[in-house]
Protein backbone atom coordinates (compact mmCIF):
# COMPACT_ATOMS: atom_id res chain seq x y z
CA MET A 1 68.10 -43.35 -61.11
CA ASN A 2 67.87 -44.23 -57.58
CA ASN A 3 71.29 -42.89 -56.94
CA GLU A 4 70.52 -39.56 -58.39
CA ILE A 5 67.39 -38.93 -56.39
CA ASN A 6 68.98 -39.60 -53.07
CA LEU A 7 68.46 -36.61 -50.80
CA LEU A 8 71.14 -37.56 -48.39
CA TYR A 9 74.70 -36.72 -49.13
CA SER A 10 77.23 -39.37 -49.25
CA LYS A 11 80.13 -39.24 -46.86
CA LYS A 12 82.40 -38.13 -49.60
CA GLN A 13 80.13 -35.25 -50.45
CA GLN A 14 79.71 -34.33 -46.80
CA ILE A 15 83.47 -34.08 -46.36
CA LEU A 16 83.77 -32.01 -49.54
CA ASN A 17 80.94 -29.71 -48.44
CA ALA A 18 82.43 -29.25 -44.95
CA SER A 19 85.84 -28.42 -46.41
CA ALA A 20 84.25 -26.07 -48.95
CA SER A 21 82.33 -24.35 -46.18
CA ARG A 22 85.51 -24.01 -44.08
CA ALA A 23 87.37 -22.68 -47.10
CA ARG A 24 84.60 -20.14 -47.66
CA VAL A 25 84.82 -19.01 -44.00
CA VAL A 26 88.60 -18.79 -44.21
CA ARG A 27 88.35 -16.88 -47.52
CA MET A 28 85.76 -14.51 -46.07
CA GLY A 29 87.92 -14.02 -42.95
CA ALA A 30 91.01 -13.35 -45.11
CA VAL A 31 89.12 -10.87 -47.30
CA GLY A 32 87.71 -9.16 -44.17
CA LEU A 33 91.15 -9.05 -42.57
CA LEU A 34 92.65 -7.73 -45.80
CA PHE A 35 89.97 -5.03 -45.93
CA LEU A 36 90.57 -4.15 -42.26
CA VAL A 37 94.36 -3.91 -42.75
CA GLY A 38 93.89 -1.81 -45.89
CA ALA A 39 91.39 0.54 -44.21
CA THR A 40 93.66 0.92 -41.16
CA SER A 41 96.64 1.65 -43.39
CA VAL A 42 94.71 4.31 -45.30
CA VAL A 43 93.51 5.94 -42.06
CA LEU A 44 97.03 5.94 -40.58
CA PHE A 45 98.45 7.35 -43.82
CA LEU A 46 95.89 10.17 -43.77
CA LEU A 47 96.66 10.90 -40.10
CA VAL A 48 100.40 11.07 -40.77
CA ILE A 49 99.92 13.37 -43.75
CA SER A 50 97.55 15.67 -41.88
CA SER A 51 99.60 15.72 -38.66
CA PRO A 52 101.68 18.84 -37.85
CA LEU A 53 104.79 16.80 -36.98
CA PRO A 54 106.94 17.92 -39.95
CA SER A 55 106.07 21.57 -39.39
CA LEU A 56 106.68 21.18 -35.66
CA ALA A 57 110.09 19.64 -36.32
CA ALA A 58 110.97 22.53 -38.65
CA LYS A 59 109.77 25.05 -36.07
CA GLU A 60 111.82 23.29 -33.39
CA LYS A 61 114.96 23.55 -35.52
CA GLU A 62 114.22 27.22 -36.19
CA LEU A 63 113.82 27.91 -32.46
CA GLU A 64 117.04 26.04 -31.68
CA ASN A 65 118.89 28.21 -34.22
CA THR A 66 117.33 31.34 -32.73
CA LEU A 67 118.43 30.28 -29.26
CA LYS A 68 121.94 29.57 -30.48
CA THR A 69 122.24 33.03 -31.98
CA SER A 70 120.54 34.61 -28.96
CA ASP A 71 122.87 33.05 -26.38
CA ALA A 72 125.19 36.05 -26.33
CA LYS A 73 122.25 38.45 -26.14
CA ILE A 74 120.70 36.51 -23.26
CA VAL A 75 124.01 36.52 -21.39
CA ASN A 76 124.41 40.27 -21.95
CA VAL A 77 120.87 41.03 -20.82
CA THR A 78 121.30 38.84 -17.74
CA LEU A 79 124.58 40.57 -16.86
CA ALA A 80 122.93 43.97 -17.34
CA VAL A 81 120.09 43.01 -15.00
CA ILE A 82 122.56 41.76 -12.38
CA ARG A 83 124.65 44.92 -12.69
CA LEU A 84 121.57 47.14 -12.40
CA SER A 85 120.56 45.38 -9.19
CA ASP A 86 124.13 45.88 -7.92
CA VAL A 87 123.92 49.57 -8.83
CA LYS A 88 120.75 49.90 -6.78
CA THR A 89 122.52 48.30 -3.82
CA ILE A 90 125.55 50.56 -4.18
CA ILE A 91 123.43 53.69 -4.52
CA SER A 92 121.44 52.79 -1.43
CA LYS A 93 124.65 52.26 0.59
CA ARG A 94 126.75 55.16 -0.62
CA SER A 95 127.04 58.46 1.15
CA HIS A 96 125.46 61.58 -0.20
CA TYR A 97 128.59 63.48 -1.20
CA GLY A 98 126.64 65.79 -3.46
CA ASP A 99 124.53 66.84 -0.47
CA TYR A 100 127.68 67.55 1.56
CA LEU A 101 129.14 69.66 -1.22
CA GLN A 102 125.87 71.53 -1.63
CA ALA A 103 125.71 72.23 2.11
CA LEU A 104 129.24 73.67 1.99
CA ARG A 105 128.42 75.75 -1.10
CA ASP A 106 125.18 77.10 0.37
CA ILE A 107 126.98 78.78 3.27
CA LEU A 108 129.81 80.14 1.07
CA PRO A 109 129.85 83.98 1.27
CA ALA A 110 130.05 86.13 -1.84
CA GLY A 111 133.60 86.57 -3.13
CA THR A 112 134.73 83.28 -1.54
CA ASP A 113 135.69 80.28 -3.66
CA LEU A 114 135.66 76.60 -2.79
CA THR A 115 138.83 75.53 -4.62
CA GLU A 116 139.28 71.96 -3.40
CA PHE A 117 136.87 69.27 -2.24
CA THR A 118 138.15 65.81 -1.28
CA VAL A 119 135.96 63.16 0.34
CA GLU A 120 137.43 60.36 2.43
CA LYS A 121 135.76 57.61 4.38
CA GLU A 122 134.80 59.67 7.44
CA SER A 123 135.82 63.19 6.51
CA VAL A 124 135.79 65.92 3.88
CA ASN A 125 138.83 68.08 3.13
CA ILE A 126 138.13 71.47 1.59
CA THR A 127 140.17 74.50 0.60
CA VAL A 128 138.52 77.90 0.60
CA SER A 129 140.10 81.07 -0.74
CA SER A 130 139.00 84.70 -0.58
CA PRO A 131 140.58 88.13 -1.13
CA SER A 132 139.34 89.25 2.29
CA LEU A 133 139.89 87.73 5.71
CA GLU A 134 136.36 88.83 6.72
CA SER A 135 134.84 86.45 4.17
CA ILE A 136 136.92 83.59 5.60
CA GLU A 137 135.71 84.52 9.10
CA GLU A 138 132.10 84.61 7.91
CA TYR A 139 132.55 81.12 6.41
CA PHE A 140 133.97 79.86 9.74
CA LEU A 141 130.92 81.20 11.56
CA SER A 142 128.57 79.56 9.06
CA LEU A 143 130.47 76.27 9.40
CA SER A 144 130.28 76.43 13.20
CA LYS A 145 126.49 76.85 12.96
CA LEU A 146 126.33 73.89 10.59
CA VAL A 147 128.38 71.78 13.03
CA GLU A 148 126.17 72.84 15.96
CA LYS A 149 123.16 71.44 14.08
CA GLY A 150 125.09 68.16 13.68
CA THR A 151 124.07 67.72 10.06
CA PRO A 152 125.94 66.59 8.12
CA PHE A 153 129.20 67.37 9.96
CA GLN A 154 130.16 66.79 13.59
CA ARG A 155 133.58 68.52 13.86
CA VAL A 156 135.67 71.03 11.93
CA TYR A 157 139.47 71.33 12.08
CA VAL A 158 141.58 74.08 10.52
CA ASN A 159 144.63 72.51 8.90
CA LEU A 160 146.14 75.62 7.36
CA LEU A 161 145.47 79.35 7.15
CA GLU A 162 147.76 81.14 4.78
CA ALA A 163 148.07 84.47 3.07
CA VAL A 164 148.82 84.12 -0.64
CA LYS A 165 151.14 86.86 -1.96
CA ASP A 166 151.61 88.10 -5.50
CA GLN A 167 154.94 88.91 -7.21
CA ASP A 168 155.23 92.24 -5.43
CA GLN A 169 154.90 90.49 -2.05
CA GLN A 170 151.47 92.06 -1.53
CA ILE A 171 148.72 89.88 -0.01
CA LYS A 172 146.58 88.74 -2.87
CA SER A 173 144.20 86.39 -1.04
CA PHE A 174 143.74 84.16 1.97
CA GLN A 175 143.47 80.41 1.81
CA VAL A 176 142.22 78.03 4.50
CA LYS A 177 142.32 74.22 4.46
CA LEU A 178 139.69 72.53 6.60
CA THR A 179 138.80 68.99 7.58
CA LEU A 180 135.17 68.27 8.38
CA TYR A 181 134.26 64.98 10.09
CA PHE A 182 130.94 63.17 9.75
């Protein structure tokens, strides 16, 4: 009976209790670690499922396909923009031939025709015809006034003055070829 009432543990029991207490701590740590790993896995799984990565990857592929099909369109639009800027440059540098022609037409007397208009780098060649020599003379006077102003022409040269005859050798009209220099 004495042995059973002993309040002190024997060495054997102390070793068993210490190892049982260590085993309990290790078991509790393992269960806690298992719970932590499980909870982390569940949270990561939920984050992956709720993340927009698959839809973003699909959208990226869709945009890549759109770009591949749009390459030719992009090139064409870029070329058009470049050409339009070149057109602006050319228009700003080119001479105003329409203005020159209009100036020559404005002084043209009634019954006189401007039959030829050729523009070169620094000159304009024109041919004027009329049934009367007076109309040709009036055009010369108007041209000389235009040249005196200096706009747009500086000099006028007569290259040819001819009388055009019909089949009966009658004078049908007069024709003059002029060169006007800028």
